[in-house]
Amino acid sequence: RLAVERGFDDFLFLGAMGARFDHALANVSVLLFLDGLGIKALLVDDYSEMQIAGEKPLYIKDNCSYFSVMTIEGNVSGVNIKNAKYPLENASLSADFQLGISNEVLPGKTAEVSVKHGRLLVLILK
């Protein structure tokens, strides 16, 4: 919060997903907090990159192994995933049963993830 108060508007978190699941989950909530303020944030570890997707499309290049979209705050609707092995159009997803795990960007394409109502955690696996 102090960094936001001081005017920072772009965050990169490194080493924030260690062995403590409670700390890792708390750091994911920081992504939600910053996204709610319209601030770009990226959480990176040795295996993945995480960020929040909402109405503004999120683009994923085909140089990753997999990507997953997870509902982490209730239900989301109007989910669109384009240029992926498992595309979605205007789908609804709920937090109680994750259906967006282990998708793949089509070769030579850039996947696009967007949400009309709600937000998703997008994990890009290296």
N, C-alpha and C. Protein backbone atom coordinates (compact mmCIF):
# COMPACT_ATOMS: atom_id res chain seq x y z
N ARG A 1 0.82 -1.19 0.00
CA ARG A 1 0.00 0.00 0.00
C ARG A 1 0.86 1.25 0.00
N LEU A 2 1.96 1.19 0.70
CA LEU A 2 2.86 2.34 0.75
C LEU A 2 3.41 2.67 -0.64
N ALA A 3 3.77 1.65 -1.39
CA ALA A 3 4.27 1.88 -2.74
C ALA A 3 3.20 2.52 -3.63
N VAL A 4 1.95 2.11 -3.47
CA VAL A 4 0.85 2.72 -4.22
C VAL A 4 0.70 4.18 -3.80
N GLU A 5 0.74 4.43 -2.50
CA GLU A 5 0.63 5.81 -2.00
C GLU A 5 1.75 6.70 -2.54
N ARG A 6 2.91 6.09 -2.79
CA ARG A 6 4.05 6.85 -3.31
C ARG A 6 4.04 6.98 -4.83
N GLY A 7 3.00 6.44 -5.47
CA GLY A 7 2.82 6.66 -6.89
C GLY A 7 3.30 5.56 -7.82
N PHE A 8 3.75 4.44 -7.28
CA PHE A 8 4.18 3.35 -8.15
C PHE A 8 2.96 2.76 -8.86
N ASP A 9 3.12 2.42 -10.14
CA ASP A 9 1.98 1.94 -10.90
C ASP A 9 2.28 0.70 -11.73
N ASP A 10 3.37 0.03 -11.44
CA ASP A 10 3.75 -1.18 -12.15
C ASP A 10 4.57 -2.03 -11.18
N PHE A 11 4.09 -3.25 -10.87
CA PHE A 11 4.73 -4.07 -9.86
C PHE A 11 5.18 -5.41 -10.42
N LEU A 12 6.38 -5.83 -10.03
CA LEU A 12 6.93 -7.13 -10.36
C LEU A 12 7.35 -7.78 -9.04
N PHE A 13 6.70 -8.89 -8.68
CA PHE A 13 7.00 -9.60 -7.45
C PHE A 13 7.83 -10.84 -7.79
N LEU A 14 9.01 -10.93 -7.21
CA LEU A 14 9.90 -12.07 -7.42
C LEU A 14 10.10 -12.82 -6.11
N GLY A 15 10.16 -14.15 -6.18
CA GLY A 15 10.40 -14.93 -4.98
C GLY A 15 9.27 -14.88 -3.97
N ALA A 16 8.05 -14.69 -4.43
CA ALA A 16 6.91 -14.54 -3.53
C ALA A 16 6.01 -15.77 -3.48
N MET A 17 6.48 -16.90 -4.01
CA MET A 17 5.64 -18.11 -4.03
C MET A 17 6.37 -19.29 -3.41
N GLY A 18 7.15 -19.08 -2.37
CA GLY A 18 7.97 -20.12 -1.76
C GLY A 18 7.20 -21.25 -1.13
N ALA A 19 7.75 -21.80 -0.07
CA ALA A 19 7.22 -23.01 0.56
C ALA A 19 6.01 -22.76 1.46
N ARG A 20 5.71 -21.51 1.77
CA ARG A 20 4.58 -21.20 2.65
C ARG A 20 3.34 -20.89 1.81
N PHE A 21 2.41 -21.84 1.78
CA PHE A 21 1.20 -21.66 0.98
C PHE A 21 0.40 -20.45 1.44
N ASP A 22 0.36 -20.20 2.74
CA ASP A 22 -0.40 -19.05 3.25
C ASP A 22 0.19 -17.74 2.73
N HIS A 23 1.51 -17.65 2.68
CA HIS A 23 2.15 -16.44 2.15
C HIS A 23 1.91 -16.33 0.64
N ALA A 24 1.99 -17.46 -0.06
CA ALA A 24 1.77 -17.46 -1.50
C ALA A 24 0.36 -16.98 -1.83
N LEU A 25 -0.62 -17.50 -1.11
CA LEU A 25 -2.01 -17.10 -1.34
C LEU A 25 -2.21 -15.62 -1.00
N ALA A 26 -1.57 -15.16 0.05
CA ALA A 26 -1.66 -13.74 0.41
C ALA A 26 -1.06 -12.88 -0.71
N ASN A 27 0.02 -13.33 -1.32
CA ASN A 27 0.63 -12.56 -2.40
C ASN A 27 -0.25 -12.54 -3.65
N VAL A 28 -0.99 -13.61 -3.89
CA VAL A 28 -1.97 -13.60 -4.98
C VAL A 28 -3.05 -12.57 -4.69
N SER A 29 -3.44 -12.45 -3.42
CA SER A 29 -4.46 -11.45 -3.09
C SER A 29 -3.94 -10.03 -3.32
N VAL A 30 -2.64 -9.83 -3.22
CA VAL A 30 -2.06 -8.52 -3.53
C VAL A 30 -2.25 -8.22 -5.02
N LEU A 31 -2.15 -9.24 -5.86
CA LEU A 31 -2.44 -9.04 -7.29
C LEU A 31 -3.86 -8.54 -7.48
N LEU A 32 -4.82 -9.13 -6.76
CA LEU A 32 -6.21 -8.69 -6.83
C LEU A 32 -6.37 -7.25 -6.35
N PHE A 33 -5.72 -6.94 -5.25
CA PHE A 33 -5.77 -5.58 -4.69
C PHE A 33 -5.28 -4.56 -5.72
N LEU A 34 -4.12 -4.82 -6.29
CA LEU A 34 -3.54 -3.89 -7.26
C LEU A 34 -4.39 -3.79 -8.52
N ASP A 35 -4.90 -4.92 -8.98
CA ASP A 35 -5.77 -4.90 -10.16
C ASP A 35 -7.01 -4.06 -9.89
N GLY A 36 -7.56 -4.16 -8.70
CA GLY A 36 -8.73 -3.36 -8.34
C GLY A 36 -8.46 -1.87 -8.39
N LEU A 37 -7.20 -1.49 -8.25
CA LEU A 37 -6.80 -0.09 -8.35
C LEU A 37 -6.40 0.29 -9.78
N GLY A 38 -6.47 -0.70 -10.70
CA GLY A 38 -6.06 -0.44 -12.08
C GLY A 38 -4.56 -0.44 -12.27
N ILE A 39 -3.85 -1.09 -11.35
CA ILE A 39 -2.38 -1.12 -11.38
C ILE A 39 -1.90 -2.47 -11.89
N LYS A 40 -0.99 -2.44 -12.83
CA LYS A 40 -0.43 -3.67 -13.40
C LYS A 40 0.51 -4.34 -12.41
N ALA A 41 0.37 -5.66 -12.24
CA ALA A 41 1.24 -6.41 -11.34
C ALA A 41 1.47 -7.80 -11.90
N LEU A 42 2.67 -8.30 -11.71
CA LEU A 42 3.07 -9.61 -12.20
C LEU A 42 3.83 -10.31 -11.07
N LEU A 43 3.46 -11.55 -10.80
CA LEU A 43 4.12 -12.36 -9.78
C LEU A 43 4.87 -13.47 -10.52
N VAL A 44 6.18 -13.55 -10.33
CA VAL A 44 7.02 -14.49 -11.08
C VAL A 44 7.80 -15.37 -10.12
N ASP A 45 7.84 -16.67 -10.42
CA ASP A 45 8.73 -17.58 -9.70
C ASP A 45 9.49 -18.42 -10.73
N ASP A 46 10.17 -19.46 -10.28
CA ASP A 46 10.99 -20.27 -11.18
C ASP A 46 10.16 -21.04 -12.20
N TYR A 47 8.88 -21.21 -11.95
CA TYR A 47 8.05 -22.09 -12.77
C TYR A 47 6.94 -21.39 -13.52
N SER A 48 6.55 -20.20 -13.05
CA SER A 48 5.36 -19.59 -13.65
C SER A 48 5.36 -18.07 -13.49
N GLU A 49 4.44 -17.47 -14.22
CA GLU A 49 4.11 -16.05 -14.08
C GLU A 49 2.63 -15.96 -13.81
N MET A 50 2.23 -15.08 -12.90
CA MET A 50 0.82 -14.95 -12.54
C MET A 50 0.40 -13.49 -12.65
N GLN A 51 -0.81 -13.31 -13.18
CA GLN A 51 -1.39 -11.98 -13.24
C GLN A 51 -2.91 -12.10 -13.31
N ILE A 52 -3.57 -10.98 -13.17
CA ILE A 52 -5.03 -10.96 -13.15
C ILE A 52 -5.55 -10.56 -14.52
N ALA A 53 -6.57 -11.28 -14.98
CA ALA A 53 -7.25 -10.94 -16.25
C ALA A 53 -8.65 -10.47 -15.92
N GLY A 54 -9.07 -9.42 -16.60
CA GLY A 54 -10.41 -8.89 -16.45
C GLY A 54 -10.93 -8.49 -17.81
N GLU A 55 -11.61 -7.35 -17.87
CA GLU A 55 -12.19 -6.90 -19.14
C GLU A 55 -11.13 -6.59 -20.19
N LYS A 56 -10.01 -6.02 -19.76
CA LYS A 56 -8.93 -5.74 -20.69
C LYS A 56 -8.25 -7.06 -21.06
N PRO A 57 -8.15 -7.39 -22.34
CA PRO A 57 -7.58 -8.68 -22.74
C PRO A 57 -6.14 -8.86 -22.25
N LEU A 58 -5.82 -10.09 -21.89
CA LEU A 58 -4.48 -10.49 -21.51
C LEU A 58 -3.96 -11.38 -22.63
N TYR A 59 -2.75 -11.13 -23.09
CA TYR A 59 -2.18 -11.87 -24.21
C TYR A 59 -1.07 -12.80 -23.72
N ILE A 60 -1.08 -14.03 -24.27
CA ILE A 60 -0.12 -15.05 -23.87
C ILE A 60 0.55 -15.59 -25.13
N LYS A 61 1.86 -15.46 -25.21
CA LYS A 61 2.61 -15.94 -26.37
C LYS A 61 2.75 -17.45 -26.33
N ASP A 62 3.11 -18.04 -27.46
CA ASP A 62 3.19 -19.49 -27.56
C ASP A 62 4.51 -20.07 -27.07
N ASN A 63 5.31 -19.29 -26.33
CA ASN A 63 6.58 -19.81 -25.83
C ASN A 63 6.46 -20.38 -24.41
N CYS A 64 5.25 -20.59 -23.93
CA CYS A 64 5.06 -21.20 -22.61
C CYS A 64 4.63 -22.66 -22.78
N SER A 65 4.79 -23.44 -21.72
CA SER A 65 4.36 -24.84 -21.76
C SER A 65 2.84 -24.93 -21.71
N TYR A 66 2.26 -24.31 -20.71
CA TYR A 66 0.82 -24.32 -20.49
C TYR A 66 0.41 -22.99 -19.88
N PHE A 67 -0.89 -22.76 -19.87
CA PHE A 67 -1.42 -21.67 -19.06
C PHE A 67 -2.74 -22.13 -18.46
N SER A 68 -3.04 -21.60 -17.30
CA SER A 68 -4.27 -21.93 -16.61
C SER A 68 -4.98 -20.65 -16.22
N VAL A 69 -6.30 -20.69 -16.22
CA VAL A 69 -7.10 -19.58 -15.72
C VAL A 69 -7.90 -20.11 -14.54
N MET A 70 -7.85 -19.37 -13.42
CA MET A 70 -8.51 -19.83 -12.21
C MET A 70 -9.39 -18.73 -11.64
N THR A 71 -10.59 -19.13 -11.27
CA THR A 71 -11.52 -18.23 -10.61
C THR A 71 -11.14 -18.19 -9.15
N ILE A 72 -10.78 -17.01 -8.65
CA ILE A 72 -10.30 -16.94 -7.26
C ILE A 72 -11.15 -16.03 -6.39
N GLU A 73 -12.21 -15.47 -6.96
CA GLU A 73 -13.09 -14.63 -6.14
C GLU A 73 -14.52 -14.74 -6.65
N GLY A 74 -15.15 -15.85 -6.37
CA GLY A 74 -16.54 -16.03 -6.79
C GLY A 74 -16.67 -16.48 -8.22
N ASN A 75 -17.80 -16.17 -8.82
CA ASN A 75 -18.08 -16.59 -10.19
C ASN A 75 -17.68 -15.51 -11.17
N VAL A 76 -17.30 -15.93 -12.36
CA VAL A 76 -17.00 -15.00 -13.44
C VAL A 76 -17.83 -15.40 -14.65
N SER A 77 -18.14 -14.42 -15.48
CA SER A 77 -18.91 -14.71 -16.68
C SER A 77 -18.36 -13.91 -17.86
N GLY A 78 -18.75 -14.34 -19.03
CA GLY A 78 -18.25 -13.71 -20.23
C GLY A 78 -16.78 -14.00 -20.46
N VAL A 79 -16.34 -15.20 -20.08
CA VAL A 79 -14.95 -15.58 -20.25
C VAL A 79 -14.70 -15.97 -21.69
N ASN A 80 -13.69 -15.36 -22.28
CA ASN A 80 -13.30 -15.67 -23.66
C ASN A 80 -11.83 -16.04 -23.68
N ILE A 81 -11.54 -17.17 -24.29
CA ILE A 81 -10.16 -17.61 -24.51
C ILE A 81 -10.04 -17.92 -26.00
N LYS A 82 -9.15 -17.20 -26.67
CA LYS A 82 -8.96 -17.38 -28.11
C LYS A 82 -7.55 -17.88 -28.39
N ASN A 83 -7.39 -18.54 -29.53
CA ASN A 83 -6.09 -19.06 -30.00
C ASN A 83 -5.46 -20.03 -29.01
N ALA A 84 -6.30 -20.88 -28.41
CA ALA A 84 -5.84 -21.88 -27.45
C ALA A 84 -6.43 -23.24 -27.80
N LYS A 85 -5.79 -24.28 -27.32
CA LYS A 85 -6.26 -25.64 -27.56
C LYS A 85 -7.69 -25.82 -27.05
N TYR A 86 -8.01 -25.19 -25.92
CA TYR A 86 -9.35 -25.26 -25.35
C TYR A 86 -9.93 -23.85 -25.29
N PRO A 87 -10.52 -23.38 -26.39
CA PRO A 87 -11.07 -22.03 -26.41
C PRO A 87 -12.39 -21.96 -25.63
N LEU A 88 -12.74 -20.77 -25.21
CA LEU A 88 -14.02 -20.52 -24.57
C LEU A 88 -14.63 -19.28 -25.19
N GLU A 89 -15.95 -19.27 -25.26
CA GLU A 89 -16.65 -18.09 -25.74
C GLU A 89 -17.82 -17.80 -24.82
N ASN A 90 -17.76 -16.66 -24.18
CA ASN A 90 -18.83 -16.19 -23.29
C ASN A 90 -19.18 -17.23 -22.22
N ALA A 91 -18.17 -17.87 -21.66
CA ALA A 91 -18.37 -18.94 -20.68
C ALA A 91 -18.51 -18.36 -19.27
N SER A 92 -19.11 -19.16 -18.41
CA SER A 92 -19.19 -18.84 -16.98
C SER A 92 -18.36 -19.87 -16.22
N LEU A 93 -17.56 -19.39 -15.27
CA LEU A 93 -16.72 -20.27 -14.45
C LEU A 93 -16.97 -19.96 -13.00
N SER A 94 -16.83 -20.98 -12.14
CA SER A 94 -17.04 -20.77 -10.71
C SER A 94 -15.79 -21.18 -9.94
N ALA A 95 -15.65 -20.62 -8.75
CA ALA A 95 -14.47 -20.89 -7.93
C ALA A 95 -14.52 -22.26 -7.26
N ASP A 96 -15.70 -22.88 -7.23
CA ASP A 96 -15.79 -24.15 -6.51
C ASP A 96 -15.41 -25.36 -7.36
N PHE A 97 -15.17 -25.17 -8.65
CA PHE A 97 -14.70 -26.28 -9.48
C PHE A 97 -13.94 -25.67 -10.66
N GLN A 98 -12.63 -25.77 -10.62
CA GLN A 98 -11.77 -25.11 -11.61
C GLN A 98 -11.74 -25.89 -12.93
N LEU A 99 -12.17 -25.23 -14.01
CA LEU A 99 -12.19 -25.87 -15.32
C LEU A 99 -11.16 -25.30 -16.29
N GLY A 100 -10.36 -24.34 -15.85
CA GLY A 100 -9.44 -23.68 -16.77
C GLY A 100 -7.99 -24.08 -16.61
N ILE A 101 -7.75 -25.30 -16.15
CA ILE A 101 -6.39 -25.75 -15.87
C ILE A 101 -5.75 -26.39 -17.11
N SER A 102 -4.48 -26.08 -17.34
CA SER A 102 -3.63 -26.71 -18.36
C SER A 102 -4.13 -26.53 -19.78
N ASN A 103 -4.26 -25.30 -20.20
CA ASN A 103 -4.57 -24.99 -21.59
C ASN A 103 -3.25 -24.76 -22.32
N GLU A 104 -3.30 -24.70 -23.65
CA GLU A 104 -2.09 -24.50 -24.44
C GLU A 104 -2.36 -23.47 -25.53
N VAL A 105 -1.38 -22.59 -25.73
CA VAL A 105 -1.46 -21.63 -26.82
C VAL A 105 -1.23 -22.39 -28.12
N LEU A 106 -2.02 -22.10 -29.14
CA LEU A 106 -1.83 -22.75 -30.44
C LEU A 106 -0.49 -22.32 -31.02
N PRO A 107 0.24 -23.25 -31.66
CA PRO A 107 1.56 -22.93 -32.21
C PRO A 107 1.49 -21.74 -33.18
N GLY A 108 2.42 -20.82 -33.01
CA GLY A 108 2.48 -19.65 -33.88
C GLY A 108 1.44 -18.60 -33.60
N LYS A 109 0.66 -18.76 -32.55
CA LYS A 109 -0.42 -17.82 -32.20
C LYS A 109 -0.13 -17.15 -30.86
N THR A 110 -0.93 -16.17 -30.54
CA THR A 110 -0.93 -15.53 -29.23
C THR A 110 -2.33 -15.69 -28.66
N ALA A 111 -2.41 -16.36 -27.52
CA ALA A 111 -3.72 -16.57 -26.89
C ALA A 111 -4.21 -15.25 -26.29
N GLU A 112 -5.52 -15.13 -26.19
CA GLU A 112 -6.14 -13.95 -25.62
C GLU A 112 -7.16 -14.40 -24.58
N VAL A 113 -7.06 -13.84 -23.38
CA VAL A 113 -7.99 -14.15 -22.29
C VAL A 113 -8.67 -12.85 -21.87
N SER A 114 -10.00 -12.87 -21.81
CA SER A 114 -10.74 -11.70 -21.32
C SER A 114 -11.97 -12.17 -20.55
N VAL A 115 -12.46 -11.28 -19.69
CA VAL A 115 -13.59 -11.57 -18.82
C VAL A 115 -14.51 -10.36 -18.83
N LYS A 116 -15.81 -10.57 -18.99
CA LYS A 116 -16.75 -9.45 -18.94
C LYS A 116 -17.13 -9.07 -17.51
N HIS A 117 -17.34 -10.09 -16.66
CA HIS A 117 -17.77 -9.83 -15.27
C HIS A 117 -16.92 -10.69 -14.34
N GLY A 118 -16.12 -10.04 -13.50
CA GLY A 118 -15.25 -10.74 -12.57
C GLY A 118 -13.81 -10.69 -13.02
N ARG A 119 -12.99 -11.46 -12.31
CA ARG A 119 -11.56 -11.51 -12.61
C ARG A 119 -11.04 -12.92 -12.47
N LEU A 120 -10.00 -13.24 -13.23
CA LEU A 120 -9.36 -14.54 -13.20
C LEU A 120 -7.89 -14.38 -12.86
N LEU A 121 -7.34 -15.38 -12.17
CA LEU A 121 -5.90 -15.49 -12.01
C LEU A 121 -5.40 -16.28 -13.20
N VAL A 122 -4.46 -15.73 -13.93
CA VAL A 122 -3.87 -16.41 -15.09
C VAL A 122 -2.46 -16.84 -14.71
N LEU A 123 -2.18 -18.13 -14.82
CA LEU A 123 -0.87 -18.67 -14.55
C LEU A 123 -0.27 -19.12 -15.87
N ILE A 124 0.88 -18.59 -16.18
CA ILE A 124 1.60 -18.96 -17.40
C ILE A 124 2.78 -19.79 -16.96
N LEU A 125 2.76 -21.06 -17.35
CA LEU A 125 3.78 -22.01 -16.91
C LEU A 125 4.92 -22.07 -17.93
N LYS A 126 6.12 -21.91 -17.45
CA LYS A 126 7.30 -21.84 -18.32
C LYS A 126 7.66 -23.20 -18.89
